Amino acid sequence: MPTIASSEPASKSLFGRVRLGYLLAESSRLDEWRKFAAEGLGLHVDIPQPRVLACRIDAHQRRLIVREGAAEDVIAIGWQLDDEAALRLALARLATRGISVQEGSTEEAALRGVSRFWFFAGPKKLRTELFTDAVLCDLPLQMKASGFVTGAHVAITTRQPGVLQAFWKKVFDARLSDEIEDKNDRLNLDFAFLRLNERHHSLATASTRGVRWNPLRTQIHHMNLQCASPDDVTQAYFRCRAMGYPIANAIGQQHPNDRELSFYVETPSGFEFKLGWNPTVVDEHTWRTAK
């Protein structure tokens, strides 16, 4: 493990040095996942070993990994830090808060397509993983989509939105972009959108209004990928609909704040996948948080 400093200069910040790297899910429906990812979403899909499905969208060897298992859920989210200094800073902050961090094994790192990684139980006990160096692949991508813009976000339902948001603000210097109210399946929900870089949000929280409860079985509500063109979004939408995958939200600007053109589709494991195009990019000099 990198050496952990006992203290950190007040000027140090992780903002702009962290981005979503990969998502690891577990499912007994690998054949359905292969069709969904390759034929529906249009991703490049590899089967690097028995009982493992791995998706590429760029030079990273792995962006979405699904291994065989019974969870039918996301079991880990990997966040990439810019360099060793950023990693040491994150680990020092976690240690200060008494959060136990362990280094993953060589075999686990290979599954994720990274050289090394560290993990801990984050808010909601969701396994959170940190890495700096991804394994790269220079083989041509075979995708139905024309391409993807690097970066993504996840949305998580929580009974303790304040706790979850405070964790990401204090440990990773996340900034609140804005908050909105919305309805989902007749539920009144409060959404908060946190950014770790110039993306409008890398992490969103959703919580029920009034009595806090978790309306979902799965750890996350959805994972998002940003397409290179609006045609990629519309064509994926038509493919997913024709293949019979449940469409949670048809194409449109789902949120009034980030204005991304997108649709939501249910994955074979039950959580949702969002494909979008052209979300808001935050200018730190002019952005004003709205509520």
Protein backbone atom coordinates (compact mmCIF):
# COMPACT_ATOMS: atom_id res chain seq x y z
CA MET A 1 0.00 0.00 0.00
CA PRO A 2 1.29 3.52 -0.70
CA THR A 3 2.68 5.29 2.37
CA ILE A 4 -0.08 7.23 4.12
CA ALA A 5 0.84 10.70 5.32
CA SER A 6 -0.16 11.60 8.87
CA SER A 7 -1.57 14.95 7.80
CA GLU A 8 -2.39 16.86 4.62
CA PRO A 9 -1.91 20.50 3.62
CA ALA A 10 -5.18 22.44 3.69
CA SER A 11 -4.66 23.46 0.05
CA LYS A 12 -4.75 19.87 -1.20
CA SER A 13 -7.88 18.89 -3.08
CA LEU A 14 -9.05 15.81 -4.96
CA PHE A 15 -11.54 17.75 -7.06
CA GLY A 16 -10.78 17.19 -10.74
CA ARG A 17 -8.56 14.21 -9.93
CA VAL A 18 -11.24 11.49 -9.60
CA ARG A 19 -13.54 9.89 -12.18
CA LEU A 20 -15.67 6.75 -12.47
CA GLY A 21 -13.49 3.94 -13.79
CA TYR A 22 -15.50 0.71 -13.87
CA LEU A 23 -18.53 -1.08 -12.52
CA LEU A 24 -18.52 -4.74 -11.45
CA ALA A 25 -21.80 -6.65 -11.34
CA GLU A 26 -22.70 -10.24 -10.55
CA SER A 27 -25.34 -12.19 -12.45
CA SER A 28 -26.41 -15.72 -13.34
CA ARG A 29 -27.69 -14.39 -16.69
CA LEU A 30 -24.43 -13.90 -18.58
CA ASP A 31 -25.87 -14.89 -21.97
CA GLU A 32 -28.62 -12.29 -21.58
CA TRP A 33 -26.10 -9.71 -20.40
CA ARG A 34 -23.95 -10.38 -23.50
CA LYS A 35 -26.92 -9.73 -25.81
CA PHE A 36 -28.03 -6.70 -23.82
CA ALA A 37 -24.60 -5.05 -23.78
CA ALA A 38 -23.51 -5.87 -27.33
CA GLU A 39 -26.75 -5.87 -29.33
CA GLY A 40 -28.80 -3.50 -27.20
CA LEU A 41 -26.43 -0.86 -25.83
CA GLY A 42 -23.89 -1.31 -28.61
CA LEU A 43 -20.79 -1.87 -26.43
CA HIS A 44 -17.75 -3.99 -27.30
CA VAL A 45 -18.07 -7.27 -25.39
CA ASP A 46 -15.28 -9.75 -24.61
CA ILE A 47 -15.45 -13.04 -22.75
CA PRO A 48 -11.89 -13.16 -21.35
CA GLN A 49 -12.50 -16.28 -19.26
CA PRO A 50 -15.36 -18.64 -18.49
CA ARG A 51 -18.12 -17.03 -16.42
CA VAL A 52 -16.86 -13.48 -17.01
CA LEU A 53 -18.16 -10.85 -19.43
CA ALA A 54 -16.15 -7.66 -19.98
CA CYS A 55 -17.18 -4.54 -21.90
CA ARG A 56 -14.94 -1.94 -23.54
CA ILE A 57 -15.82 1.52 -24.87
CA ASP A 58 -12.32 3.00 -25.16
CA ALA A 59 -8.68 2.07 -24.55
CA HIS A 60 -9.42 0.73 -21.07
CA GLN A 61 -9.55 -3.07 -21.07
CA ARG A 62 -12.59 -3.09 -18.78
CA ARG A 63 -15.35 -0.55 -18.11
CA LEU A 64 -18.26 -2.85 -17.25
CA ILE A 65 -17.59 -6.32 -15.89
CA VAL A 66 -20.22 -8.96 -15.13
CA ARG A 67 -19.11 -12.14 -13.40
CA GLU A 68 -21.24 -15.19 -12.76
CA GLY A 69 -22.96 -15.19 -9.40
CA ALA A 70 -26.27 -14.96 -7.62
CA ALA A 71 -26.35 -11.29 -6.57
CA GLU A 72 -28.06 -9.85 -9.69
CA ASP A 73 -26.64 -6.53 -8.61
CA VAL A 74 -23.66 -4.23 -8.65
CA ILE A 75 -21.05 -5.53 -6.20
CA ALA A 76 -18.28 -2.93 -6.64
CA ILE A 77 -17.64 0.48 -8.20
CA GLY A 78 -14.10 1.47 -9.17
CA TRP A 79 -12.96 5.10 -9.12
CA GLN A 80 -9.80 6.18 -10.94
CA LEU A 81 -7.49 8.75 -9.40
CA ASP A 82 -5.03 10.78 -11.47
CA ASP A 83 -1.83 9.63 -9.82
CA GLU A 84 -0.11 8.18 -6.76
CA ALA A 85 -0.29 11.51 -4.91
CA ALA A 86 -4.07 11.64 -5.29
CA LEU A 87 -4.36 8.03 -4.14
CA ARG A 88 -2.22 8.68 -1.05
CA LEU A 89 -4.38 11.68 -0.19
CA ALA A 90 -7.60 9.65 -0.48
CA LEU A 91 -6.17 6.81 1.61
CA ALA A 92 -4.98 9.26 4.28
CA ARG A 93 -8.44 10.78 4.57
CA LEU A 94 -10.04 7.36 4.86
CA ALA A 95 -7.55 6.35 7.56
CA THR A 96 -8.26 9.54 9.50
CA ARG A 97 -11.94 8.56 9.55
CA GLY A 98 -11.18 5.06 10.80
CA ILE A 99 -12.28 3.40 7.55
CA SER A 100 -10.49 0.09 6.95
CA VAL A 101 -8.89 -0.16 3.50
CA GLN A 102 -7.38 -3.29 1.95
CA GLU A 103 -5.45 -3.93 -1.24
CA GLY A 104 -7.10 -6.25 -3.74
CA SER A 105 -5.39 -9.42 -4.92
CA THR A 106 -3.56 -9.81 -8.22
CA GLU A 107 -6.40 -11.99 -9.51
CA GLU A 108 -9.05 -9.43 -8.51
CA ALA A 109 -7.07 -6.64 -10.19
CA ALA A 110 -6.84 -8.67 -13.41
CA LEU A 111 -10.61 -9.19 -13.40
CA ARG A 112 -11.10 -5.41 -13.18
CA GLY A 113 -8.49 -4.53 -15.78
CA VAL A 114 -6.27 -2.52 -13.42
CA SER A 115 -2.70 -2.96 -12.22
CA ARG A 116 -3.55 -2.55 -8.50
CA PHE A 117 -6.53 -1.37 -6.48
CA TRP A 118 -7.65 -0.71 -2.90
CA PHE A 119 -11.15 -1.28 -1.52
CA PHE A 120 -13.34 -0.37 1.44
CA ALA A 121 -17.00 -0.44 2.43
CA GLY A 122 -18.50 2.88 1.40
CA PRO A 123 -21.89 4.34 2.31
CA LYS A 124 -24.67 1.71 2.07
CA LYS A 125 -21.82 -0.84 2.49
CA LEU A 126 -21.30 -0.73 -1.26
CA ARG A 127 -17.78 -1.85 -2.02
CA THR A 128 -15.85 1.17 -3.24
CA GLU A 129 -12.55 0.64 -5.05
CA LEU A 130 -9.71 3.03 -5.91
CA PHE A 131 -7.04 2.69 -8.58
CA THR A 132 -4.67 4.79 -10.66
CA ASP A 133 -3.51 2.66 -13.60
CA ALA A 134 -5.88 0.86 -15.94
CA VAL A 135 -4.74 -1.95 -18.21
CA LEU A 136 -5.05 -0.70 -21.76
CA CYS A 137 -6.01 -2.59 -24.92
CA ASP A 138 -5.09 -1.45 -28.44
CA LEU A 139 -7.27 -3.97 -30.28
CA PRO A 140 -10.01 -2.41 -32.46
CA LEU A 141 -13.38 -1.86 -30.84
CA GLN A 142 -16.30 -3.71 -32.38
CA MET A 143 -19.34 -1.70 -31.34
CA LYS A 144 -22.68 -0.74 -32.78
CA ALA A 145 -22.19 2.72 -31.26
CA SER A 146 -19.90 5.17 -33.05
CA GLY A 147 -18.11 5.91 -29.79
CA PHE A 148 -18.37 7.11 -26.22
CA VAL A 149 -17.13 10.14 -24.33
CA THR A 150 -14.89 9.03 -21.48
CA GLY A 151 -16.58 9.40 -18.12
CA ALA A 152 -19.81 8.19 -16.58
CA HIS A 153 -21.97 8.51 -13.51
CA VAL A 154 -23.94 6.37 -11.09
CA ALA A 155 -27.14 7.16 -9.21
CA ILE A 156 -27.75 5.63 -5.79
CA THR A 157 -30.90 5.53 -3.67
CA THR A 158 -30.30 6.06 0.04
CA ARG A 159 -32.14 6.48 3.32
CA GLN A 160 -29.32 8.74 4.53
CA PRO A 161 -28.62 11.22 1.73
CA GLY A 162 -26.87 13.65 4.07
CA VAL A 163 -24.43 10.99 5.26
CA LEU A 164 -23.65 9.78 1.75
CA GLN A 165 -23.17 13.29 0.38
CA ALA A 166 -21.01 14.37 3.33
CA PHE A 167 -18.75 11.36 2.81
CA TRP A 168 -18.06 12.23 -0.84
CA LYS A 169 -17.63 15.91 -0.09
CA LYS A 170 -15.19 15.39 2.79
CA VAL A 171 -13.15 12.51 1.39
CA PHE A 172 -13.16 13.28 -2.34
CA ASP A 173 -13.96 17.03 -2.39
CA ALA A 174 -17.17 16.48 -4.35
CA ARG A 175 -19.16 19.63 -5.09
CA LEU A 176 -22.92 19.96 -5.17
CA SER A 177 -24.05 20.93 -8.66
CA ASP A 178 -27.73 21.25 -7.81
CA GLU A 179 -30.78 19.58 -6.31
CA ILE A 180 -34.17 18.83 -7.82
CA GLU A 181 -37.48 17.28 -6.87
CA ASP A 182 -39.00 14.60 -9.07
CA LYS A 183 -41.49 11.75 -9.14
CA ASN A 184 -40.60 8.17 -9.97
CA ASP A 185 -43.25 5.45 -9.96
CA ARG A 186 -45.53 7.83 -8.00
CA LEU A 187 -42.84 8.40 -5.35
CA ASN A 188 -41.77 11.91 -4.40
CA LEU A 189 -37.99 11.91 -4.59
CA ASP A 190 -35.25 14.38 -3.74
CA PHE A 191 -32.21 14.23 -6.02
CA ALA A 192 -28.78 15.71 -5.34
CA PHE A 193 -26.10 15.83 -8.04
CA LEU A 194 -22.44 15.77 -6.99
CA ARG A 195 -19.54 16.47 -9.32
CA LEU A 196 -15.96 15.25 -8.90
CA ASN A 197 -14.71 16.97 -12.04
CA GLU A 198 -16.12 19.08 -14.88
CA ARG A 199 -18.97 16.65 -15.47
CA HIS A 200 -22.26 17.96 -14.09
CA HIS A 201 -22.32 14.90 -11.86
CA SER A 202 -20.39 11.70 -11.33
CA LEU A 203 -22.62 10.66 -8.44
CA ALA A 204 -26.30 11.33 -7.83
CA THR A 205 -28.31 10.49 -4.73
CA ALA A 206 -32.06 9.85 -4.65
CA SER A 207 -34.11 9.71 -1.46
CA THR A 208 -37.81 9.46 -0.71
CA ARG A 209 -39.55 12.59 0.54
CA GLY A 210 -40.61 12.54 4.18
CA VAL A 211 -40.07 9.04 5.59
CA ARG A 212 -36.73 7.81 4.25
CA TRP A 213 -36.80 4.29 2.83
CA ASN A 214 -35.06 2.46 0.02
CA PRO A 215 -37.51 1.57 -2.78
CA LEU A 216 -34.98 -0.54 -4.70
CA ARG A 217 -33.61 -4.05 -4.24
CA THR A 218 -30.38 -3.16 -6.05
CA GLN A 219 -27.41 -1.15 -4.76
CA ILE A 220 -27.67 1.48 -7.50
CA HIS A 221 -30.51 2.98 -9.48
CA HIS A 222 -28.53 3.30 -12.71
CA MET A 223 -25.17 3.60 -14.42
CA ASN A 224 -24.75 6.14 -17.21
CA LEU A 225 -22.55 6.17 -20.29
CA GLN A 226 -22.22 9.21 -22.54
CA CYS A 227 -22.52 8.51 -26.26
CA ALA A 228 -20.54 10.34 -28.93
CA SER A 229 -23.62 11.30 -30.96
CA PRO A 230 -27.42 11.60 -30.57
CA ASP A 231 -27.81 8.89 -33.23
CA ASP A 232 -26.04 6.44 -30.89
CA VAL A 233 -28.69 7.14 -28.26
CA THR A 234 -31.70 6.83 -30.55
CA GLN A 235 -30.46 3.70 -32.30
CA ALA A 236 -29.70 1.99 -28.99
CA TYR A 237 -33.16 2.96 -27.76
CA PHE A 238 -34.83 1.38 -30.80
CA ARG A 239 -32.70 -1.77 -30.50
CA CYS A 240 -33.41 -2.23 -26.78
CA ARG A 241 -37.13 -1.68 -27.29
CA ALA A 242 -37.25 -4.12 -30.23
CA MET A 243 -35.40 -6.74 -28.16
CA GLY A 244 -38.01 -6.46 -25.40
CA TYR A 245 -35.95 -4.89 -22.65
CA PRO A 246 -38.13 -2.81 -20.30
CA ILE A 247 -37.76 0.90 -21.04
CA ALA A 248 -37.95 2.86 -17.79
CA ASN A 249 -37.81 6.28 -19.45
CA ALA A 250 -38.12 6.97 -23.18
CA ILE A 251 -35.78 9.37 -24.98
CA GLY A 252 -35.86 12.91 -23.68
CA GLN A 253 -34.17 15.38 -21.37
CA GLN A 254 -34.91 13.53 -18.15
CA HIS A 255 -33.57 16.22 -15.81
CA PRO A 256 -33.99 19.98 -16.23
CA ASN A 257 -30.52 20.65 -14.83
CA ASP A 258 -27.95 18.61 -16.78
CA ARG A 259 -30.12 18.60 -19.95
CA GLU A 260 -28.64 15.32 -21.21
CA LEU A 261 -30.61 13.65 -24.02
CA SER A 262 -31.05 10.11 -22.75
CA PHE A 263 -33.13 7.03 -22.09
CA TYR A 264 -33.21 4.46 -19.28
CA VAL A 265 -33.46 0.71 -19.84
CA GLU A 266 -33.61 -2.12 -17.31
CA THR A 267 -30.61 -4.47 -17.30
CA PRO A 268 -30.94 -8.26 -17.01
CA SER A 269 -30.06 -7.86 -13.31
CA GLY A 270 -32.78 -5.32 -12.54
CA PHE A 271 -30.88 -2.06 -12.06
CA GLU A 272 -31.09 0.45 -14.89
CA PHE A 273 -28.67 1.63 -17.56
CA LYS A 274 -28.79 5.15 -18.95
CA LEU A 275 -27.37 6.09 -22.34
CA GLY A 276 -27.11 9.80 -22.97
CA TRP A 277 -25.63 12.55 -25.09
CA ASN A 278 -24.40 16.10 -24.52
CA PRO A 279 -24.89 16.70 -20.79
CA THR A 280 -24.02 20.02 -19.20
CA VAL A 281 -20.32 20.66 -18.54
CA VAL A 282 -19.74 22.86 -15.51
CA ASP A 283 -17.67 26.04 -15.76
CA GLU A 284 -16.31 26.45 -12.21
CA HIS A 285 -15.98 30.21 -12.68
CA THR A 286 -19.62 30.84 -13.53
CA TRP A 287 -21.61 27.91 -12.09
CA ARG A 288 -24.15 28.68 -9.41
CA THR A 289 -25.71 25.89 -7.38
CA ALA A 290 -29.51 25.87 -7.77
CA LYS A 291 -32.01 24.24 -5.42
